[in-house]
PDB file of N, CA and C in Angstrom:
ATOM      1  N   UNK A   1     -54.331 -26.781  53.935  1.00  0.00           N
ATOM      2  CA  UNK A   1     -55.182 -25.734  53.408  1.00  0.00           C
ATOM      3  C   UNK A   1     -55.617 -26.097  51.962  1.00  0.00           C
ATOM      4  N   UNK A   2     -56.860 -25.847  51.688  1.00  0.00           N
ATOM      5  CA  UNK A   2     -57.409 -26.189  50.385  1.00  0.00           C
ATOM      6  C   UNK A   2     -56.860 -25.275  49.302  1.00  0.00           C
ATOM      7  N   UNK A   3     -56.664 -25.863  48.108  1.00  0.00           N
ATOM      8  CA  UNK A   3     -56.193 -25.082  46.995  1.00  0.00           C
ATOM      9  C   UNK A   3     -57.253 -24.073  46.589  1.00  0.00           C
ATOM     10  N   UNK A   4     -56.834 -22.869  46.270  1.00  0.00           N
ATOM     11  CA  UNK A   4     -57.752 -21.797  45.893  1.00  0.00           C
ATOM     12  C   UNK A   4     -58.352 -21.101  47.092  1.00  0.00           C
ATOM     13  N   UNK A   5     -57.950 -21.454  48.295  1.00  0.00           N
ATOM     14  CA  UNK A   5     -58.437 -20.804  49.444  1.00  0.00           C
ATOM     15  C   UNK A   5     -57.894 -19.367  49.557  1.00  0.00           C
ATOM     16  N   UNK A   6     -58.624 -18.509  50.237  1.00  0.00           N
ATOM     17  CA  UNK A   6     -58.190 -17.154  50.487  1.00  0.00           C
ATOM     18  C   UNK A   6     -56.867 -17.151  51.216  1.00  0.00           C
ATOM     19  N   UNK A   7     -55.948 -16.328  50.795  1.00  0.00           N
ATOM     20  CA  UNK A   7     -54.663 -16.167  51.508  1.00  0.00           C
ATOM     21  C   UNK A   7     -54.499 -14.705  51.955  1.00  0.00           C
ATOM     22  N   UNK A   8     -54.009 -14.530  53.184  1.00  0.00           N
ATOM     23  CA  UNK A   8     -53.639 -13.196  53.572  1.00  0.00           C
ATOM     24  C   UNK A   8     -52.371 -12.790  52.889  1.00  0.00           C
ATOM     25  N   UNK A   9     -52.078 -11.536  52.781  1.00  0.00           N
ATOM     26  CA  UNK A   9     -50.918 -11.068  51.978  1.00  0.00           C
ATOM     27  C   UNK A   9     -49.622 -11.640  52.523  1.00  0.00           C
ATOM     28  N   UNK A  10     -49.465 -11.787  53.846  1.00  0.00           N
ATOM     29  CA  UNK A  10     -48.216 -12.361  54.421  1.00  0.00           C
ATOM     30  C   UNK A  10     -48.021 -13.810  54.046  1.00  0.00           C
ATOM     31  N   UNK A  11     -49.096 -14.534  53.841  1.00  0.00           N
ATOM     32  CA  UNK A  11     -49.015 -15.950  53.498  1.00  0.00           C
ATOM     33  C   UNK A  11     -48.425 -16.176  52.079  1.00  0.00           C
ATOM     34  N   UNK A  12     -48.440 -15.116  51.299  1.00  0.00           N
ATOM     35  CA  UNK A  12     -47.921 -15.176  49.949  1.00  0.00           C
ATOM     36  C   UNK A  12     -46.438 -14.859  49.866  1.00  0.00           C
ATOM     37  N   UNK A  13     -45.916 -14.310  50.973  1.00  0.00           N
ATOM     38  CA  UNK A  13     -44.510 -13.903  50.960  1.00  0.00           C
ATOM     39  C   UNK A  13     -43.575 -15.080  51.132  1.00  0.00           C
ATOM     40  N   UNK A  14     -42.630 -15.192  50.220  1.00  0.00           N
ATOM     41  CA  UNK A  14     -41.666 -16.297  50.272  1.00  0.00           C
ATOM     42  C   UNK A  14     -40.880 -16.284  51.594  1.00  0.00           C
ATOM     43  N   UNK A  15     -40.485 -15.161  52.076  1.00  0.00           N
ATOM     44  CA  UNK A  15     -39.693 -15.073  53.312  1.00  0.00           C
ATOM     45  C   UNK A  15     -40.589 -15.624  54.484  1.00  0.00           C
ATOM     46  N   UNK A  16     -41.869 -15.361  54.481  1.00  0.00           N
ATOM     47  CA  UNK A  16     -42.744 -15.845  55.563  1.00  0.00           C
ATOM     48  C   UNK A  16     -42.835 -17.379  55.463  1.00  0.00           C
ATOM     49  N   UNK A  17     -42.984 -17.902  54.289  1.00  0.00           N
ATOM     50  CA  UNK A  17     -43.090 -19.361  54.068  1.00  0.00           C
ATOM     51  C   UNK A  17     -41.826 -20.042  54.523  1.00  0.00           C
ATOM     52  N   UNK A  18     -40.675 -19.509  54.120  1.00  0.00           N
ATOM     53  CA  UNK A  18     -39.402 -20.165  54.479  1.00  0.00           C
ATOM     54  C   UNK A  18     -39.144 -20.013  55.994  1.00  0.00           C
ATOM     55  N   UNK A  19     -39.495 -18.896  56.585  1.00  0.00           N
ATOM     56  CA  UNK A  19     -39.333 -18.738  57.999  1.00  0.00           C
ATOM     57  C   UNK A  19     -40.238 -19.683  58.772  1.00  0.00           C
ATOM     58  N   UNK A  20     -41.396 -19.921  58.247  1.00  0.00           N
ATOM     59  CA  UNK A  20     -42.322 -20.873  58.921  1.00  0.00           C
ATOM     60  C   UNK A  20     -41.694 -22.262  58.987  1.00  0.00           C
ATOM     61  N   UNK A  21     -41.057 -22.696  57.909  1.00  0.00           N
ATOM     62  CA  UNK A  21     -40.404 -23.966  57.882  1.00  0.00           C
ATOM     63  C   UNK A  21     -39.191 -23.977  58.841  1.00  0.00           C
ATOM     64  N   UNK A  22     -38.460 -22.887  58.869  1.00  0.00           N
ATOM     65  CA  UNK A  22     -37.317 -22.723  59.789  1.00  0.00           C
ATOM     66  C   UNK A  22     -37.783 -22.848  61.244  1.00  0.00           C
ATOM     67  N   UNK A  23     -38.882 -22.236  61.571  1.00  0.00           N
ATOM     68  CA  UNK A  23     -39.442 -22.307  62.914  1.00  0.00           C
ATOM     69  C   UNK A  23     -39.800 -23.738  63.296  1.00  0.00           C
ATOM     70  N   UNK A  24     -40.356 -24.460  62.351  1.00  0.00           N
ATOM     71  CA  UNK A  24     -40.629 -25.894  62.644  1.00  0.00           C
ATOM     72  C   UNK A  24     -39.366 -26.639  63.028  1.00  0.00           C
ATOM     73  N   UNK A  25     -38.285 -26.375  62.346  1.00  0.00           N
ATOM     74  CA  UNK A  25     -37.001 -27.018  62.660  1.00  0.00           C
ATOM     75  C   UNK A  25     -36.470 -26.537  64.006  1.00  0.00           C
ATOM     76  N   UNK A  26     -36.623 -25.264  64.301  1.00  0.00           N
ATOM     77  CA  UNK A  26     -36.189 -24.721  65.588  1.00  0.00           C
ATOM     78  C   UNK A  26     -36.894 -25.454  66.746  1.00  0.00           C
ATOM     79  N   UNK A  27     -38.169 -25.679  66.583  1.00  0.00           N
ATOM     80  CA  UNK A  27     -38.932 -26.378  67.615  1.00  0.00           C
ATOM     81  C   UNK A  27     -38.394 -27.804  67.811  1.00  0.00           C
ATOM     82  N   UNK A  28     -38.077 -28.468  66.727  1.00  0.00           N
ATOM     83  CA  UNK A  28     -37.531 -29.864  66.825  1.00  0.00           C
ATOM     84  C   UNK A  28     -36.194 -29.841  67.555  1.00  0.00           C
ATOM     85  N   UNK A  29     -35.347 -28.878  67.196  1.00  0.00           N
ATOM     86  CA  UNK A  29     -34.023 -28.801  67.837  1.00  0.00           C
ATOM     87  C   UNK A  29     -34.188 -28.581  69.325  1.00  0.00           C
ATOM     88  N   UNK A  30     -35.036 -27.640  69.710  1.00  0.00           N
ATOM     89  CA  UNK A  30     -35.179 -27.272  71.101  1.00  0.00           C
ATOM     90  C   UNK A  30     -35.909 -28.338  71.934  1.00  0.00           C
ATOM     91  N   UNK A  31     -36.611 -29.256  71.300  1.00  0.00           N
ATOM     92  CA  UNK A  31     -37.228 -30.361  72.029  1.00  0.00           C
ATOM     93  C   UNK A  31     -36.171 -31.225  72.741  1.00  0.00           C
ATOM     94  N   UNK A  32     -34.989 -31.170  72.213  1.00  0.00           N
ATOM     95  CA  UNK A  32     -33.893 -32.015  72.757  1.00  0.00           C
ATOM     96  C   UNK A  32     -33.090 -31.282  73.862  1.00  0.00           C
ATOM     97  N   UNK A  33     -33.459 -30.054  74.137  1.00  0.00           N
ATOM     98  CA  UNK A  33     -32.737 -29.271  75.155  1.00  0.00           C
ATOM     99  C   UNK A  33     -33.075 -29.841  76.524  1.00  0.00           C
ATOM    100  N   UNK A  34     -32.244 -29.613  77.495  1.00  0.00           N
ATOM    101  CA  UNK A  34     -32.481 -30.091  78.860  1.00  0.00           C
ATOM    102  C   UNK A  34     -33.810 -29.558  79.429  1.00  0.00           C
ATOM    103  N   UNK A  35     -34.470 -30.350  80.201  1.00  0.00           N
ATOM    104  CA  UNK A  35     -35.732 -29.979  80.810  1.00  0.00           C
ATOM    105  C   UNK A  35     -35.602 -28.657  81.636  1.00  0.00           C
ATOM    106  N   UNK A  36     -34.463 -28.496  82.316  1.00  0.00           N
ATOM    107  CA  UNK A  36     -34.325 -27.302  83.141  1.00  0.00           C
ATOM    108  C   UNK A  36     -34.293 -26.018  82.294  1.00  0.00           C
ATOM    109  N   UNK A  37     -34.127 -26.139  81.028  1.00  0.00           N
ATOM    110  CA  UNK A  37     -34.103 -24.950  80.166  1.00  0.00           C
ATOM    111  C   UNK A  37     -35.485 -24.603  79.558  1.00  0.00           C
ATOM    112  N   UNK A  38     -36.466 -25.399  79.967  1.00  0.00           N
ATOM    113  CA  UNK A  38     -37.827 -25.229  79.349  1.00  0.00           C
ATOM    114  C   UNK A  38     -38.312 -23.778  79.456  1.00  0.00           C
ATOM    115  N   UNK A  39     -38.144 -23.173  80.640  1.00  0.00           N
ATOM    116  CA  UNK A  39     -38.623 -21.791  80.847  1.00  0.00           C
ATOM    117  C   UNK A  39     -37.514 -20.785  80.699  1.00  0.00           C
ATOM    118  N   UNK A  40     -36.352 -21.215  80.283  1.00  0.00           N
ATOM    119  CA  UNK A  40     -35.216 -20.301  80.056  1.00  0.00           C
ATOM    120  C   UNK A  40     -34.902 -20.226  78.561  1.00  0.00           C
ATOM    121  N   UNK A  41     -33.784 -20.796  78.202  1.00  0.00           N
ATOM    122  CA  UNK A  41     -33.298 -20.667  76.828  1.00  0.00           C
ATOM    123  C   UNK A  41     -34.277 -21.241  75.813  1.00  0.00           C
ATOM    124  N   UNK A  42     -34.874 -22.372  76.084  1.00  0.00           N
ATOM    125  CA  UNK A  42     -35.830 -22.933  75.112  1.00  0.00           C
ATOM    126  C   UNK A  42     -36.954 -21.979  74.807  1.00  0.00           C
ATOM    127  N   UNK A  43     -37.480 -21.403  75.876  1.00  0.00           N
ATOM    128  CA  UNK A  43     -38.575 -20.447  75.700  1.00  0.00           C
ATOM    129  C   UNK A  43     -38.105 -19.199  74.931  1.00  0.00           C
ATOM    130  N   UNK A  44     -36.953 -18.681  75.266  1.00  0.00           N
ATOM    131  CA  UNK A  44     -36.406 -17.531  74.602  1.00  0.00           C
ATOM    132  C   UNK A  44     -36.223 -17.780  73.110  1.00  0.00           C
ATOM    133  N   UNK A  45     -35.674 -18.922  72.785  1.00  0.00           N
ATOM    134  CA  UNK A  45     -35.454 -19.253  71.367  1.00  0.00           C
ATOM    135  C   UNK A  45     -36.742 -19.355  70.598  1.00  0.00           C
ATOM    136  N   UNK A  46     -37.688 -20.026  71.209  1.00  0.00           N
ATOM    137  CA  UNK A  46     -39.000 -20.186  70.521  1.00  0.00           C
ATOM    138  C   UNK A  46     -39.717 -18.885  70.331  1.00  0.00           C
ATOM    139  N   UNK A  47     -39.646 -18.045  71.340  1.00  0.00           N
ATOM    140  CA  UNK A  47     -40.287 -16.718  71.196  1.00  0.00           C
ATOM    141  C   UNK A  47     -39.627 -15.892  70.152  1.00  0.00           C
ATOM    142  N   UNK A  48     -38.265 -15.897  70.087  1.00  0.00           N
ATOM    143  CA  UNK A  48     -37.577 -15.137  69.036  1.00  0.00           C
ATOM    144  C   UNK A  48     -37.949 -15.669  67.663  1.00  0.00           C
ATOM    145  N   UNK A  49     -37.966 -16.960  67.504  1.00  0.00           N
ATOM    146  CA  UNK A  49     -38.328 -17.547  66.238  1.00  0.00           C
ATOM    147  C   UNK A  49     -39.702 -17.222  65.721  1.00  0.00           C
ATOM    148  N   UNK A  50     -40.677 -17.324  66.672  1.00  0.00           N
ATOM    149  CA  UNK A  50     -42.075 -17.013  66.272  1.00  0.00           C
ATOM    150  C   UNK A  50     -42.249 -15.534  66.063  1.00  0.00           C
ATOM    151  N   UNK A  51     -41.429 -14.721  66.706  1.00  0.00           N
ATOM    152  CA  UNK A  51     -41.498 -13.248  66.549  1.00  0.00           C
ATOM    153  C   UNK A  51     -41.119 -12.895  65.112  1.00  0.00           C
ATOM    154  N   UNK A  52     -40.232 -13.574  64.493  1.00  0.00           N
ATOM    155  CA  UNK A  52     -39.865 -13.314  63.119  1.00  0.00           C
ATOM    156  C   UNK A  52     -41.082 -13.396  62.264  1.00  0.00           C
ATOM    157  N   UNK A  53     -41.834 -14.501  62.378  1.00  0.00           N
ATOM    158  CA  UNK A  53     -43.035 -14.757  61.627  1.00  0.00           C
ATOM    159  C   UNK A  53     -44.096 -13.699  61.916  1.00  0.00           C
ATOM    160  N   UNK A  54     -44.335 -13.504  63.212  1.00  0.00           N
ATOM    161  CA  UNK A  54     -45.400 -12.618  63.638  1.00  0.00           C
ATOM    162  C   UNK A  54     -45.199 -11.200  63.168  1.00  0.00           C
ATOM    163  N   UNK A  55     -43.975 -10.755  63.173  1.00  0.00           N
ATOM    164  CA  UNK A  55     -43.685  -9.367  62.735  1.00  0.00           C
ATOM    165  C   UNK A  55     -43.861  -9.196  61.247  1.00  0.00           C
ATOM    166  N   UNK A  56     -43.504 -10.242  60.490  1.00  0.00           N
ATOM    167  CA  UNK A  56     -43.720 -10.176  59.036  1.00  0.00           C
ATOM    168  C   UNK A  56     -45.239 -10.078  58.801  1.00  0.00           C
ATOM    169  N   UNK A  57     -45.999 -10.928  59.468  1.00  0.00           N
ATOM    170  CA  UNK A  57     -47.462 -10.925  59.296  1.00  0.00           C
ATOM    171  C   UNK A  57     -48.057  -9.640  59.688  1.00  0.00           C
ATOM    172  N   UNK A  58     -47.682  -9.112  60.889  1.00  0.00           N
ATOM    173  CA  UNK A  58     -48.216  -7.866  61.371  1.00  0.00           C
ATOM    174  C   UNK A  58     -47.912  -6.723  60.443  1.00  0.00           C
ATOM    175  N   UNK A  59     -46.639  -6.691  59.994  1.00  0.00           N
ATOM    176  CA  UNK A  59     -46.224  -5.596  59.076  1.00  0.00           C
ATOM    177  C   UNK A  59     -46.997  -5.622  57.793  1.00  0.00           C
ATOM    178  N   UNK A  60     -47.241  -6.802  57.280  1.00  0.00           N
ATOM    179  CA  UNK A  60     -47.990  -6.934  55.991  1.00  0.00           C
ATOM    180  C   UNK A  60     -49.424  -6.397  56.144  1.00  0.00           C
ATOM    181  N   UNK A  61     -49.954  -6.354  57.342  1.00  0.00           N
ATOM    182  CA  UNK A  61     -51.308  -5.863  57.523  1.00  0.00           C
ATOM    183  C   UNK A  61     -51.358  -4.363  57.686  1.00  0.00           C
ATOM    184  N   UNK A  62     -50.237  -3.686  57.773  1.00  0.00           N
ATOM    185  CA  UNK A  62     -50.189  -2.258  57.930  1.00  0.00           C
ATOM    186  C   UNK A  62     -50.588  -1.536  56.636  1.00  0.00           C
ATOM    187  N   UNK A  63     -51.102  -0.347  56.809  1.00  0.00           N
ATOM    188  CA  UNK A  63     -51.585   0.423  55.656  1.00  0.00           C
ATOM    189  C   UNK A  63     -50.440   1.044  54.820  1.00  0.00           C
ATOM    190  N   UNK A  64     -49.340   1.332  55.456  1.00  0.00           N
ATOM    191  CA  UNK A  64     -48.292   1.998  54.724  1.00  0.00           C
ATOM    192  C   UNK A  64     -47.056   1.118  54.618  1.00  0.00           C
ATOM    193  N   UNK A  65     -46.285   1.381  53.565  1.00  0.00           N
ATOM    194  CA  UNK A  65     -45.062   0.647  53.305  1.00  0.00           C
ATOM    195  C   UNK A  65     -44.063   0.971  54.420  1.00  0.00           C
ATOM    196  N   UNK A  66     -44.051   2.208  54.891  1.00  0.00           N
ATOM    197  CA  UNK A  66     -43.166   2.583  55.966  1.00  0.00           C
ATOM    198  C   UNK A  66     -43.395   1.768  57.258  1.00  0.00           C
ATOM    199  N   UNK A  67     -44.648   1.597  57.582  1.00  0.00           N
ATOM    200  CA  UNK A  67     -44.975   0.737  58.747  1.00  0.00           C
ATOM    201  C   UNK A  67     -44.539  -0.718  58.514  1.00  0.00           C
ATOM    202  N   UNK A  68     -44.855  -1.216  57.320  1.00  0.00           N
ATOM    203  CA  UNK A  68     -44.437  -2.587  56.989  1.00  0.00           C
ATOM    204  C   UNK A  68     -42.904  -2.733  57.145  1.00  0.00           C
ATOM    205  N   UNK A  69     -42.182  -1.773  56.595  1.00  0.00           N
ATOM    206  CA  UNK A  69     -40.707  -1.786  56.697  1.00  0.00           C
ATOM    207  C   UNK A  69     -40.201  -1.808  58.127  1.00  0.00           C
ATOM    208  N   UNK A  70     -40.894  -1.091  58.987  1.00  0.00           N
ATOM    209  CA  UNK A  70     -40.480  -1.100  60.393  1.00  0.00           C
ATOM    210  C   UNK A  70     -40.671  -2.510  61.005  1.00  0.00           C
ATOM    211  N   UNK A  71     -41.713  -3.166  60.672  1.00  0.00           N
ATOM    212  CA  UNK A  71     -41.949  -4.522  61.226  1.00  0.00           C
ATOM    213  C   UNK A  71     -40.961  -5.536  60.565  1.00  0.00           C
ATOM    214  N   UNK A  72     -40.543  -5.303  59.374  1.00  0.00           N
ATOM    215  CA  UNK A  72     -39.519  -6.132  58.768  1.00  0.00           C
ATOM    216  C   UNK A  72     -38.193  -5.979  59.567  1.00  0.00           C
ATOM    217  N   UNK A  73     -37.910  -4.731  60.000  1.00  0.00           N
ATOM    218  CA  UNK A  73     -36.751  -4.523  60.815  1.00  0.00           C
ATOM    219  C   UNK A  73     -36.879  -5.247  62.167  1.00  0.00           C
ATOM    220  N   UNK A  74     -38.052  -5.243  62.736  1.00  0.00           N
ATOM    221  CA  UNK A  74     -38.281  -6.003  63.988  1.00  0.00           C
ATOM    222  C   UNK A  74     -37.979  -7.514  63.746  1.00  0.00           C
ATOM    223  N   UNK A  75     -38.443  -7.992  62.593  1.00  0.00           N
ATOM    224  CA  UNK A  75     -38.188  -9.431  62.268  1.00  0.00           C
ATOM    225  C   UNK A  75     -36.698  -9.684  62.205  1.00  0.00           C
ATOM    226  N   UNK A  76     -36.001  -8.773  61.589  1.00  0.00           N
ATOM    227  CA  UNK A  76     -34.520  -8.942  61.504  1.00  0.00           C
ATOM    228  C   UNK A  76     -33.909  -8.982  62.900  1.00  0.00           C
ATOM    229  N   UNK A  77     -34.382  -8.081  63.800  1.00  0.00           N
ATOM    230  CA  UNK A  77     -33.880  -8.085  65.149  1.00  0.00           C
ATOM    231  C   UNK A  77     -34.155  -9.392  65.862  1.00  0.00           C
ATOM    232  N   UNK A  78     -35.291  -9.967  65.636  1.00  0.00           N
ATOM    233  CA  UNK A  78     -35.662 -11.260  66.249  1.00  0.00           C
ATOM    234  C   UNK A  78     -34.789 -12.367  65.704  1.00  0.00           C
ATOM    235  N   UNK A  79     -34.480 -12.250  64.401  1.00  0.00           N
ATOM    236  CA  UNK A  79     -33.602 -13.251  63.780  1.00  0.00           C
ATOM    237  C   UNK A  79     -32.232 -13.227  64.371  1.00  0.00           C
ATOM    238  N   UNK A  80     -31.647 -12.064  64.560  1.00  0.00           N
ATOM    239  CA  UNK A  80     -30.350 -11.947  65.132  1.00  0.00           C
ATOM    240  C   UNK A  80     -30.311 -12.372  66.624  1.00  0.00           C
ATOM    241  N   UNK A  81     -31.444 -12.045  67.350  1.00  0.00           N
ATOM    242  CA  UNK A  81     -31.595 -12.548  68.721  1.00  0.00           C
ATOM    243  C   UNK A  81     -31.577 -14.037  68.733  1.00  0.00           C
ATOM    244  N   UNK A  82     -32.300 -14.661  67.803  1.00  0.00           N
ATOM    245  CA  UNK A  82     -32.387 -16.127  67.739  1.00  0.00           C
ATOM    246  C   UNK A  82     -30.991 -16.719  67.506  1.00  0.00           C
ATOM    247  N   UNK A  83     -30.257 -16.141  66.587  1.00  0.00           N
ATOM    248  CA  UNK A  83     -28.897 -16.656  66.321  1.00  0.00           C
ATOM    249  C   UNK A  83     -28.023 -16.519  67.551  1.00  0.00           C
ATOM    250  N   UNK A  84     -28.112 -15.413  68.233  1.00  0.00           N
ATOM    251  CA  UNK A  84     -27.322 -15.236  69.471  1.00  0.00           C
ATOM    252  C   UNK A  84     -27.700 -16.300  70.507  1.00  0.00           C
ATOM    253  N   UNK A  85     -28.944 -16.626  70.641  1.00  0.00           N
ATOM    254  CA  UNK A  85     -29.335 -17.687  71.580  1.00  0.00           C
ATOM    255  C   UNK A  85     -28.719 -19.034  71.185  1.00  0.00           C
ATOM    256  N   UNK A  86     -28.626 -19.250  69.898  1.00  0.00           N
ATOM    257  CA  UNK A  86     -28.058 -20.517  69.474  1.00  0.00           C
ATOM    258  C   UNK A  86     -26.541 -20.616  69.752  1.00  0.00           C
ATOM    259  N   UNK A  87     -25.920 -19.466  69.794  1.00  0.00           N
ATOM    260  CA  UNK A  87     -24.499 -19.479  70.219  1.00  0.00           C
ATOM    261  C   UNK A  87     -24.391 -19.878  71.679  1.00  0.00           C
ATOM    262  N   UNK A  88     -25.267 -19.391  72.477  1.00  0.00           N
ATOM    263  CA  UNK A  88     -25.309 -19.791  73.909  1.00  0.00           C
ATOM    264  C   UNK A  88     -25.601 -21.319  73.983  1.00  0.00           C
ATOM    265  N   UNK A  89     -26.520 -21.779  73.175  1.00  0.00           N
ATOM    266  CA  UNK A  89     -26.870 -23.212  73.151  1.00  0.00           C
ATOM    267  C   UNK A  89     -25.658 -24.070  72.779  1.00  0.00           C
ATOM    268  N   UNK A  90     -24.901 -23.580  71.791  1.00  0.00           N
ATOM    269  CA  UNK A  90     -23.650 -24.246  71.400  1.00  0.00           C
ATOM    270  C   UNK A  90     -22.653 -24.272  72.552  1.00  0.00           C
ATOM    271  N   UNK A  91     -22.501 -23.095  73.179  1.00  0.00           N
ATOM    272  CA  UNK A  91     -21.508 -22.994  74.289  1.00  0.00           C
ATOM    273  C   UNK A  91     -21.881 -23.874  75.474  1.00  0.00           C
ATOM    274  N   UNK A  92     -23.164 -24.157  75.620  1.00  0.00           N
ATOM    275  CA  UNK A  92     -23.641 -25.031  76.722  1.00  0.00           C
ATOM    276  C   UNK A  92     -23.693 -26.488  76.272  1.00  0.00           C
ATOM    277  N   UNK A  93     -23.236 -26.784  75.031  1.00  0.00           N
ATOM    278  CA  UNK A  93     -23.248 -28.158  74.480  1.00  0.00           C
ATOM    279  C   UNK A  93     -24.639 -28.703  74.301  1.00  0.00           C
ATOM    280  N   UNK A  94     -25.636 -27.855  74.089  1.00  0.00           N
ATOM    281  CA  UNK A  94     -27.005 -28.297  73.793  1.00  0.00           C
ATOM    282  C   UNK A  94     -27.149 -28.643  72.309  1.00  0.00           C
ATOM    283  N   UNK A  95     -26.307 -28.052  71.465  1.00  0.00           N
ATOM    284  CA  UNK A  95     -26.276 -28.325  70.028  1.00  0.00           C
ATOM    285  C   UNK A  95     -24.836 -28.516  69.608  1.00  0.00           C
ATOM    286  N   UNK A  96     -24.637 -29.194  68.514  1.00  0.00           N
ATOM    287  CA  UNK A  96     -23.282 -29.325  67.998  1.00  0.00           C
ATOM    288  C   UNK A  96     -22.983 -28.302  66.927  1.00  0.00           C
ATOM    289  N   UNK A  97     -21.765 -28.297  66.457  1.00  0.00           N
ATOM    290  CA  UNK A  97     -21.354 -27.296  65.471  1.00  0.00           C
ATOM    291  C   UNK A  97     -22.129 -27.413  64.166  1.00  0.00           C
ATOM    292  N   UNK A  98     -22.439 -28.612  63.765  1.00  0.00           N
ATOM    293  CA  UNK A  98     -23.187 -28.833  62.529  1.00  0.00           C
ATOM    294  C   UNK A  98     -24.578 -28.159  62.605  1.00  0.00           C
ATOM    295  N   UNK A  99     -25.218 -28.339  63.720  1.00  0.00           N
ATOM    296  CA  UNK A  99     -26.527 -27.692  63.908  1.00  0.00           C
ATOM    297  C   UNK A  99     -26.385 -26.154  63.934  1.00  0.00           C
ATOM    298  N   UNK A 100     -25.394 -25.673  64.640  1.00  0.00           N
ATOM    299  CA  UNK A 100     -25.157 -24.208  64.651  1.00  0.00           C
ATOM    300  C   UNK A 100     -24.899 -23.681  63.265  1.00  0.00           C
ATOM    301  N   UNK A 101     -24.078 -24.372  62.508  1.00  0.00           N
ATOM    302  CA  UNK A 101     -23.784 -23.892  61.181  1.00  0.00           C
ATOM    303  C   UNK A 101     -25.009 -23.923  60.255  1.00  0.00           C
ATOM    304  N   UNK A 102     -25.803 -24.948  60.424  1.00  0.00           N
ATOM    305  CA  UNK A 102     -27.058 -25.030  59.600  1.00  0.00           C
ATOM    306  C   UNK A 102     -27.985 -23.891  59.983  1.00  0.00           C
ATOM    307  N   UNK A 103     -28.052 -23.577  61.263  1.00  0.00           N
ATOM    308  CA  UNK A 103     -28.944 -22.465  61.669  1.00  0.00           C
ATOM    309  C   UNK A 103     -28.365 -21.130  61.178  1.00  0.00           C
ATOM    310  N   UNK A 104     -27.026 -20.979  61.251  1.00  0.00           N
ATOM    311  CA  UNK A 104     -26.429 -19.748  60.737  1.00  0.00           C
ATOM    312  C   UNK A 104     -26.695 -19.601  59.213  1.00  0.00           C
ATOM    313  N   UNK A 105     -26.554 -20.686  58.491  1.00  0.00           N
ATOM    314  CA  UNK A 105     -26.789 -20.650  57.042  1.00  0.00           C
ATOM    315  C   UNK A 105     -28.237 -20.238  56.728  1.00  0.00           C
ATOM    316  N   UNK A 106     -29.161 -20.854  57.390  1.00  0.00           N
ATOM    317  CA  UNK A 106     -30.562 -20.521  57.134  1.00  0.00           C
ATOM    318  C   UNK A 106     -30.882 -19.128  57.610  1.00  0.00           C
ATOM    319  N   UNK A 107     -30.267 -18.708  58.709  1.00  0.00           N
ATOM    320  CA  UNK A 107     -30.481 -17.357  59.202  1.00  0.00           C
ATOM    321  C   UNK A 107     -29.984 -16.308  58.175  1.00  0.00           C
ATOM    322  N   UNK A 108     -28.842 -16.603  57.553  1.00  0.00           N
ATOM    323  CA  UNK A 108     -28.282 -15.697  56.588  1.00  0.00           C
ATOM    324  C   UNK A 108     -29.216 -15.583  55.376  1.00  0.00           C
ATOM    325  N   UNK A 109     -29.750 -16.714  54.955  1.00  0.00           N
ATOM    326  CA  UNK A 109     -30.647 -16.754  53.832  1.00  0.00           C
ATOM    327  C   UNK A 109     -31.930 -15.888  54.159  1.00  0.00           C
ATOM    328  N   UNK A 110     -32.497 -16.120  55.325  1.00  0.00           N
ATOM    329  CA  UNK A 110     -33.674 -15.342  55.724  1.00  0.00           C
ATOM    330  C   UNK A 110     -33.339 -13.882  55.873  1.00  0.00           C
ATOM    331  N   UNK A 111     -32.200 -13.600  56.394  1.00  0.00           N
ATOM    332  CA  UNK A 111     -31.748 -12.205  56.541  1.00  0.00           C
ATOM    333  C   UNK A 111     -31.674 -11.550  55.209  1.00  0.00           C
ATOM    334  N   UNK A 112     -31.126 -12.181  54.208  1.00  0.00           N
ATOM    335  CA  UNK A 112     -31.058 -11.625  52.856  1.00  0.00           C
ATOM    336  C   UNK A 112     -32.443 -11.382  52.327  1.00  0.00           C
ATOM    337  N   UNK A 113     -33.397 -12.291  52.591  1.00  0.00           N
ATOM    338  CA  UNK A 113     -34.764 -12.123  52.114  1.00  0.00           C
ATOM    339  C   UNK A 113     -35.448 -10.923  52.800  1.00  0.00           C
ATOM    340  N   UNK A 114     -35.217 -10.825  54.126  1.00  0.00           N
ATOM    341  CA  UNK A 114     -35.775  -9.676  54.848  1.00  0.00           C
ATOM    342  C   UNK A 114     -35.181  -8.366  54.348  1.00  0.00           C
ATOM    343  N   UNK A 115     -33.895  -8.310  54.068  1.00  0.00           N
ATOM    344  CA  UNK A 115     -33.272  -7.123  53.499  1.00  0.00           C
ATOM    345  C   UNK A 115     -33.821  -6.742  52.189  1.00  0.00           C
ATOM    346  N   UNK A 116     -34.057  -7.742  51.331  1.00  0.00           N
ATOM    347  CA  UNK A 116     -34.676  -7.496  50.043  1.00  0.00           C
ATOM    348  C   UNK A 116     -36.086  -6.961  50.202  1.00  0.00           C
ATOM    349  N   UNK A 117     -36.841  -7.556  51.069  1.00  0.00           N
ATOM    350  CA  UNK A 117     -38.207  -7.063  51.287  1.00  0.00           C
ATOM    351  C   UNK A 117     -38.186  -5.635  51.825  1.00  0.00           C
ATOM    352  N   UNK A 118     -37.286  -5.354  52.742  1.00  0.00           N
ATOM    353  CA  UNK A 118     -37.169  -4.004  53.296  1.00  0.00           C
ATOM    354  C   UNK A 118     -36.829  -3.012  52.210  1.00  0.00           C
ATOM    355  N   UNK A 119     -35.884  -3.297  51.362  1.00  0.00           N
ATOM    356  CA  UNK A 119     -35.499  -2.447  50.266  1.00  0.00           C
ATOM    357  C   UNK A 119     -36.685  -2.170  49.330  1.00  0.00           C
ATOM    358  N   UNK A 120     -37.473  -3.238  49.122  1.00  0.00           N
ATOM    359  CA  UNK A 120     -38.636  -3.022  48.210  1.00  0.00           C
ATOM    360  C   UNK A 120     -39.712  -2.158  48.800  1.00  0.00           C
ATOM    361  N   UNK A 121     -39.681  -1.958  50.107  1.00  0.00           N
ATOM    362  CA  UNK A 121     -40.671  -1.120  50.814  1.00  0.00           C
ATOM    363  C   UNK A 121     -40.235   0.309  50.949  1.00  0.00           C
ATOM    364  N   UNK A 122     -38.987   0.597  50.629  1.00  0.00           N
ATOM    365  CA  UNK A 122     -38.450   1.969  50.807  1.00  0.00           C
ATOM    366  C   UNK A 122     -38.886   2.866  49.674  1.00  0.00           C
TER     367      UNK A 122
END
């Protein structure tokens, strides 16, 4: 994107930027999942991850802070769903403990950012 280009309000949010990077990593991790999971766990994980981003963006477009806060809560729900899916991935030996711990650490960081954003909207 060109410098000085118009940005939507969600594009300016640090939590959205960091989640976008997180989602890129999630896609890389899930590329290594078994082919038979393509329409199962892989799809579920990717939808949950992109839902975090989409809900932040959609919430930022709402007219009221209350509406925005509700979409931030949806993002948090998608984040916890994503983490739960990665526990299943670990249990199925699709990822190792190091990857799970890295995802947990990044999820905690994003969770804290979402909570801070939510508090600022109350």
